Amino acid sequence: MILKDFEFGYTPENLRRLLGQSNLSQKEAREIIGKGRNTFSRYLYDVSNHNHVTMSHVDWLTLLEYVKGLQNSNLG
């Protein structure tokens, strides 16, 4: 699996694409980065929504590394 059509870095759209293309559930993703359901769902809100919260760069990289590990294990 190759992640496609990503803007640079975290955006709500990139997060939705990452979840969809990697078949990772929101629950799995939030457990990987250690966030609660409410916080994680706010990462998915459009940036124009006043309830939007920006995901930290560290959390974004953690998810990307996890998905990369999934890709590598599926290849081997």
C-alpha atoms as a PDB file:
ATOM      1  CA  MET A   1       0.000   0.000   0.000  1.00  0.00           C
ATOM      2  CA  ILE A   2       1.312   3.428  -0.923  1.00  0.00           C
ATOM      3  CA  LEU A   3      -0.280   6.479   0.637  1.00  0.00           C
ATOM      4  CA  LYS A   4      -1.425   8.795  -2.126  1.00  0.00           C
ATOM      5  CA  ASP A   5      -2.629  12.359  -2.570  1.00  0.00           C
ATOM      6  CA  PHE A   6      -1.207  13.817   0.632  1.00  0.00           C
ATOM      7  CA  GLU A   7      -0.572  17.454   1.272  1.00  0.00           C
ATOM      8  CA  PHE A   8       2.568  18.119   3.273  1.00  0.00           C
ATOM      9  CA  GLY A   9       2.170  17.136   6.940  1.00  0.00           C
ATOM     10  CA  TYR A  10      -0.906  16.842   9.122  1.00  0.00           C
ATOM     11  CA  THR A  11      -4.217  18.221   7.977  1.00  0.00           C
ATOM     12  CA  PRO A  12      -7.653  16.862   8.856  1.00  0.00           C
ATOM     13  CA  GLU A  13      -7.948  15.662   5.246  1.00  0.00           C
ATOM     14  CA  ASN A  14      -4.574  13.898   5.420  1.00  0.00           C
ATOM     15  CA  LEU A  15      -5.611  12.204   8.645  1.00  0.00           C
ATOM     16  CA  ARG A  16      -8.853  10.979   7.070  1.00  0.00           C
ATOM     17  CA  ARG A  17      -6.908   9.689   4.053  1.00  0.00           C
ATOM     18  CA  LEU A  18      -4.332   7.986   6.245  1.00  0.00           C
ATOM     19  CA  LEU A  19      -7.061   6.182   8.169  1.00  0.00           C
ATOM     20  CA  GLY A  20      -8.892   5.188   4.996  1.00  0.00           C
ATOM     21  CA  GLN A  21      -5.906   4.063   2.967  1.00  0.00           C
ATOM     22  CA  SER A  22      -4.375   2.107   5.840  1.00  0.00           C
ATOM     23  CA  ASN A  23      -7.687   0.611   7.046  1.00  0.00           C
ATOM     24  CA  LEU A  24      -6.881   1.970  10.497  1.00  0.00           C
ATOM     25  CA  SER A  25      -9.875   2.742  12.699  1.00  0.00           C
ATOM     26  CA  GLN A  26     -10.120   5.951  14.691  1.00  0.00           C
ATOM     27  CA  LYS A  27     -10.002   3.838  17.846  1.00  0.00           C
ATOM     28  CA  GLU A  28      -6.785   2.117  16.764  1.00  0.00           C
ATOM     29  CA  ALA A  29      -5.204   5.420  15.743  1.00  0.00           C
ATOM     30  CA  ARG A  30      -6.066   7.182  18.977  1.00  0.00           C
ATOM     31  CA  GLU A  31      -4.717   4.253  21.003  1.00  0.00           C
ATOM     32  CA  ILE A  32      -1.436   4.397  19.055  1.00  0.00           C
ATOM     33  CA  ILE A  33      -0.937   8.054  19.969  1.00  0.00           C
ATOM     34  CA  GLY A  34      -2.571   7.837  23.398  1.00  0.00           C
ATOM     35  CA  LYS A  35      -5.416  10.299  22.860  1.00  0.00           C
ATOM     36  CA  GLY A  36      -9.043  10.177  23.942  1.00  0.00           C
ATOM     37  CA  ARG A  37     -12.014   9.894  21.616  1.00  0.00           C
ATOM     38  CA  ASN A  38     -13.031  13.553  21.913  1.00  0.00           C
ATOM     39  CA  THR A  39      -9.553  14.901  21.246  1.00  0.00           C
ATOM     40  CA  PHE A  40      -9.014  12.588  18.297  1.00  0.00           C
ATOM     41  CA  SER A  41     -12.363  13.448  16.730  1.00  0.00           C
ATOM     42  CA  ARG A  42     -11.456  17.135  16.984  1.00  0.00           C
ATOM     43  CA  TYR A  43      -8.347  16.427  14.881  1.00  0.00           C
ATOM     44  CA  LEU A  44     -10.720  15.422  12.085  1.00  0.00           C
ATOM     45  CA  TYR A  45     -12.775  18.625  12.147  1.00  0.00           C
ATOM     46  CA  ASP A  46     -12.156  21.088   9.347  1.00  0.00           C
ATOM     47  CA  VAL A  47      -9.732  23.812  10.407  1.00  0.00           C
ATOM     48  CA  SER A  48     -12.480  26.403   9.987  1.00  0.00           C
ATOM     49  CA  ASN A  49     -14.510  24.690  12.737  1.00  0.00           C
ATOM     50  CA  HIS A  50     -13.960  26.452  16.067  1.00  0.00           C
ATOM     51  CA  ASN A  51     -13.766  23.025  17.787  1.00  0.00           C
ATOM     52  CA  HIS A  52     -10.837  21.895  15.615  1.00  0.00           C
ATOM     53  CA  VAL A  53      -7.635  20.930  17.443  1.00  0.00           C
ATOM     54  CA  THR A  54      -4.339  20.585  15.590  1.00  0.00           C
ATOM     55  CA  MET A  55      -2.536  17.271  15.988  1.00  0.00           C
ATOM     56  CA  SER A  56       1.041  17.591  17.196  1.00  0.00           C
ATOM     57  CA  HIS A  57       3.803  16.857  14.733  1.00  0.00           C
ATOM     58  CA  VAL A  58       5.084  14.080  17.004  1.00  0.00           C
ATOM     59  CA  ASP A  59       1.673  12.355  17.014  1.00  0.00           C
ATOM     60  CA  TRP A  60       1.405  12.685  13.223  1.00  0.00           C
ATOM     61  CA  LEU A  61       4.847  11.139  12.752  1.00  0.00           C
ATOM     62  CA  THR A  62       3.967   8.347  15.192  1.00  0.00           C
ATOM     63  CA  LEU A  63       0.933   7.415  13.089  1.00  0.00           C
ATOM     64  CA  LEU A  64       2.923   7.581   9.862  1.00  0.00           C
ATOM     65  CA  GLU A  65       5.630   5.326  11.312  1.00  0.00           C
ATOM     66  CA  TYR A  66       3.001   2.858  12.511  1.00  0.00           C
ATOM     67  CA  VAL A  67       1.416   2.704   9.053  1.00  0.00           C
ATOM     68  CA  LYS A  68       4.845   2.359   7.462  1.00  0.00           C
ATOM     69  CA  GLY A  69       5.461  -0.622   9.753  1.00  0.00           C
ATOM     70  CA  LEU A  70       2.153  -2.152   8.624  1.00  0.00           C
ATOM     71  CA  GLN A  71       3.164  -1.685   5.000  1.00  0.00           C
ATOM     72  CA  ASN A  72       6.536  -3.324   5.576  1.00  0.00           C
ATOM     73  CA  SER A  73       5.025  -6.290   7.421  1.00  0.00           C
ATOM     74  CA  ASN A  74       2.552  -6.833   4.573  1.00  0.00           C
ATOM     75  CA  LEU A  75       5.383  -6.863   2.033  1.00  0.00           C
ATOM     76  CA  GLY A  76       7.484  -9.420   3.887  1.00  0.00           C
END
